[in-house]
Amino acid sequence: HESVDGSGYPDGRAGEDIPVEARIVAVADIFDALTSRRPYKPAWSNDDAFDLLRKLAGKKLDAHCVNALIENRALIDEIQQQFQENIVG
């Protein structure tokens, strides 16, 4: 992903030069990766994921996008409940 500080890829864009859609997707992708179980790691809690996103806000991630996600915590919880990962193996 591009990073708001310009350190990302593929083009090294920064801040407002990154389309808002890409800034939103970057936050959503990282949140999903953190809170989803993977073969190599357990799922993080939403609280732990939000803590990391806050640390990345304004550096790697757009702070407005991070805040928008966190401000919608109740909706996030509801969506996660609806689409729980119940796959074993």
Protein backbone atom coordinates (compact mmCIF):
# COMPACT_ATOMS: atom_id res chain seq x y z
CA HIS A 1 0.00 0.00 0.00
CA GLU A 2 0.93 3.61 -0.42
CA SER A 3 1.65 5.29 2.94
CA VAL A 4 0.58 8.81 3.85
CA ASP A 5 4.20 9.57 4.79
CA GLY A 6 5.36 8.68 1.25
CA SER A 7 7.21 5.50 2.24
CA GLY A 8 4.78 3.10 0.55
CA TYR A 9 4.57 1.43 -2.84
CA PRO A 10 4.19 1.22 -5.78
CA ASP A 11 4.62 4.95 -6.47
CA GLY A 12 5.72 6.48 -3.16
CA ARG A 13 2.72 8.81 -3.11
CA ALA A 14 2.00 10.77 0.06
CA GLY A 15 -0.98 12.35 1.80
CA GLU A 16 -3.68 13.74 -0.47
CA ASP A 17 -1.83 12.42 -3.55
CA ILE A 18 -3.13 8.99 -2.55
CA PRO A 19 -6.75 8.55 -3.70
CA VAL A 20 -9.15 8.45 -0.75
CA GLU A 21 -10.36 5.03 -1.91
CA ALA A 22 -6.83 3.65 -1.57
CA ARG A 23 -6.45 5.22 1.89
CA ILE A 24 -9.70 3.60 3.00
CA VAL A 25 -8.72 0.20 1.58
CA ALA A 26 -5.32 0.35 3.30
CA VAL A 27 -6.96 0.79 6.72
CA ALA A 28 -9.59 -1.87 6.04
CA ASP A 29 -7.03 -4.36 4.72
CA ILE A 30 -4.73 -3.99 7.72
CA PHE A 31 -7.65 -4.19 10.17
CA ASP A 32 -8.93 -7.34 8.46
CA ALA A 33 -5.48 -8.93 8.40
CA LEU A 34 -4.97 -8.24 12.10
CA THR A 35 -8.40 -9.39 13.28
CA SER A 36 -8.62 -12.49 11.09
CA ARG A 37 -7.12 -15.82 12.04
CA ARG A 38 -4.36 -16.92 9.69
CA PRO A 39 -2.51 -20.25 9.54
CA TYR A 40 0.53 -18.51 11.01
CA LYS A 41 -1.17 -16.34 13.68
CA PRO A 42 -4.27 -16.07 15.84
CA ALA A 43 -6.79 -13.28 15.31
CA TRP A 44 -6.10 -10.08 17.24
CA SER A 45 -8.81 -8.48 19.34
CA ASN A 46 -10.40 -5.34 17.92
CA ASP A 47 -8.90 -3.36 20.80
CA ASP A 48 -5.38 -4.52 19.95
CA ALA A 49 -5.94 -3.84 16.25
CA PHE A 50 -7.30 -0.35 16.98
CA ASP A 51 -4.26 0.37 19.18
CA LEU A 52 -1.90 -0.47 16.31
CA LEU A 53 -3.97 1.49 13.79
CA ARG A 54 -3.80 4.53 16.10
CA LYS A 55 -0.01 4.21 16.17
CA LEU A 56 0.11 4.06 12.36
CA ALA A 57 -2.35 6.96 11.89
CA GLY A 58 -0.71 9.98 10.31
CA LYS A 59 2.41 7.97 9.47
CA LYS A 60 1.52 4.95 7.36
CA LEU A 61 -2.26 5.35 7.41
CA ASP A 62 -4.64 8.26 6.91
CA ALA A 63 -5.70 9.46 10.37
CA HIS A 64 -9.21 10.40 9.20
CA CYS A 65 -9.76 6.90 7.82
CA VAL A 66 -8.47 5.27 11.01
CA ASN A 67 -10.70 7.49 13.14
CA ALA A 68 -13.73 6.76 10.94
CA LEU A 69 -13.22 3.03 11.43
CA ILE A 70 -12.78 3.31 15.19
CA GLU A 71 -15.77 5.66 15.55
CA ASN A 72 -17.90 2.94 13.95
CA ARG A 73 -16.87 0.27 16.47
CA ALA A 74 -20.46 -0.86 17.13
CA LEU A 75 -21.07 -1.44 13.43
CA ILE A 76 -17.73 -3.24 13.06
CA ASP A 77 -18.65 -5.56 15.95
CA GLU A 78 -22.05 -6.26 14.37
CA ILE A 79 -20.53 -7.09 10.99
CA GLN A 80 -17.93 -9.37 12.59
CA GLN A 81 -20.68 -11.19 14.49
CA GLN A 82 -22.64 -11.68 11.29
CA PHE A 83 -19.65 -13.06 9.37
CA GLN A 84 -17.83 -15.04 12.05
CA GLU A 85 -15.12 -17.38 10.86
CA ASN A 86 -16.41 -20.82 11.78
CA ILE A 87 -14.15 -22.82 9.49
CA VAL A 88 -12.18 -25.54 11.25
CA GLY A 89 -8.95 -26.86 9.82
